[in-house]
Protein backbone atom coordinates (compact mmCIF):
# COMPACT_ATOMS: atom_id res chain seq x y z
CA UNK A 1 -79.08 -227.19 -50.48
CA UNK A 2 -82.25 -225.97 -49.25
CA UNK A 3 -82.67 -228.76 -46.21
CA UNK A 4 -79.00 -227.56 -45.54
CA UNK A 5 -80.01 -223.93 -44.60
CA UNK A 6 -83.21 -225.22 -42.92
CA UNK A 7 -81.22 -227.36 -40.60
CA UNK A 8 -78.83 -224.20 -39.96
CA UNK A 9 -81.58 -222.29 -39.45
CA UNK A 10 -83.25 -224.26 -37.35
CA UNK A 11 -79.96 -224.51 -35.11
CA UNK A 12 -79.83 -221.13 -34.95
CA UNK A 13 -83.33 -220.68 -33.72
CA UNK A 14 -82.79 -222.80 -30.91
CA UNK A 15 -79.50 -221.80 -30.05
CA UNK A 16 -80.88 -218.53 -29.78
CA UNK A 17 -83.82 -219.73 -27.90
CA UNK A 18 -81.21 -221.38 -25.26
CA UNK A 19 -79.71 -218.02 -24.68
CA UNK A 20 -82.48 -216.37 -22.93
CA UNK A 21 -81.98 -213.01 -24.50
CA UNK A 22 -84.43 -210.28 -24.60
CA UNK A 23 -83.43 -209.34 -27.95
CA UNK A 24 -85.43 -210.76 -30.93
CA UNK A 25 -84.04 -212.75 -33.44
CA UNK A 26 -84.32 -211.91 -37.18
CA UNK A 27 -83.31 -214.29 -39.53
CA UNK A 28 -83.06 -212.24 -43.34
CA UNK A 29 -83.37 -214.76 -46.16
CA UNK A 30 -80.94 -213.30 -49.22
CA UNK A 31 -80.79 -214.66 -52.42
CA UNK A 32 -77.49 -214.94 -54.53
CA UNK A 33 -75.65 -214.35 -50.74
CA UNK A 34 -75.89 -210.86 -51.49
CA UNK A 35 -76.19 -209.68 -47.55
CA UNK A 36 -75.69 -205.44 -48.16
CA UNK A 37 -78.83 -204.53 -49.56
CA UNK A 38 -80.91 -207.05 -47.62
CA UNK A 39 -79.81 -205.88 -44.44
CA UNK A 40 -79.76 -201.88 -45.32
CA UNK A 41 -83.31 -202.23 -45.93
CA UNK A 42 -84.09 -204.13 -43.26
CA UNK A 43 -82.42 -201.72 -40.79
CA UNK A 44 -84.72 -199.10 -43.07
CA UNK A 45 -87.87 -200.79 -42.11
CA UNK A 46 -86.99 -200.77 -38.40
CA UNK A 47 -86.48 -197.47 -38.34
CA UNK A 48 -89.35 -196.45 -40.08
CA UNK A 49 -91.74 -198.54 -37.52
CA UNK A 50 -89.77 -196.74 -34.81
CA UNK A 51 -88.94 -193.32 -35.93
CA UNK A 52 -86.83 -191.43 -33.19
CA UNK A 53 -85.20 -194.58 -31.70
CA UNK A 54 -81.15 -194.26 -31.96
CA UNK A 55 -80.01 -197.64 -34.27
CA UNK A 56 -76.52 -199.78 -33.38
CA UNK A 57 -75.63 -201.59 -35.39
CA UNK A 58 -72.77 -204.35 -34.44
CA UNK A 59 -71.47 -206.00 -37.53
CA UNK A 60 -68.68 -209.15 -37.01
CA UNK A 61 -64.94 -208.12 -37.94
CA UNK A 62 -63.35 -211.72 -38.92
CA UNK A 63 -59.68 -212.09 -37.44
CA UNK A 64 -58.06 -214.23 -39.41
CA UNK A 65 -54.69 -216.08 -38.51
CA UNK A 66 -53.16 -215.02 -42.33
CA UNK A 67 -53.08 -211.11 -43.36
CA UNK A 68 -54.41 -212.06 -46.35
CA UNK A 69 -57.12 -214.03 -45.53
CA UNK A 70 -58.56 -210.84 -43.93
CA UNK A 71 -58.90 -208.92 -46.95
CA UNK A 72 -60.81 -211.69 -48.57
CA UNK A 73 -63.04 -212.05 -45.41
CA UNK A 74 -63.56 -208.39 -44.39
CA UNK A 75 -64.50 -206.44 -47.49
CA UNK A 76 -68.64 -207.19 -46.97
CA UNK A 77 -67.98 -205.85 -43.46
CA UNK A 78 -66.48 -202.91 -44.84
CA UNK A 79 -69.10 -201.73 -47.50
CA UNK A 80 -71.79 -202.51 -44.69
CA UNK A 81 -70.48 -200.08 -42.54
CA UNK A 82 -70.37 -197.89 -45.29
CA UNK A 83 -73.57 -198.26 -46.21
CA UNK A 84 -75.31 -198.05 -42.70
CA UNK A 85 -73.35 -194.87 -42.33
CA UNK A 86 -75.38 -193.16 -44.55
CA UNK A 87 -77.52 -192.01 -41.81
CA UNK A 88 -76.39 -190.14 -39.11
CA UNK A 89 -79.13 -191.65 -36.60
CA UNK A 90 -77.05 -194.74 -36.68
CA UNK A 91 -74.21 -196.04 -34.95
CA UNK A 92 -72.38 -198.63 -36.51
CA UNK A 93 -69.58 -200.31 -34.78
CA UNK A 94 -67.69 -203.98 -35.28
CA UNK A 95 -66.50 -206.44 -32.84
CA UNK A 96 -63.73 -208.60 -33.76
CA UNK A 97 -64.24 -212.17 -34.24
CA UNK A 98 -61.99 -214.20 -33.90
CA UNK A 99 -61.54 -217.50 -36.47
C-alpha cells in the first residue's frame, strides 16, 4: 500500500509542476483516511503564519450519475465546509467535480 501512495504522490507532484502554477502544492498526510482535522489544522496554521490574510478554501463537490451516490461522496464536503466556516475571515466555496 505504501508504494501505491508514493507512486500516486509522485505522479500528482509531477502533474502540478507541469501545470506551471504559481500556487504551491501542499500534500497533507492523513492517517485513517480522515481529512477534516488535518485540513482544518493546516488552514489554521497557514492563517497563523499569515495574519490579516483573507483565506479562500475551495472544496470539490462530487457530482455523481446517480443521486444516491452523491449522498455517500459529499458527506465529507459538508462536514469540511461546516468545520472551516467556524472562522469569519475565511471564504469557503465548493466547485462541482463531475464523475
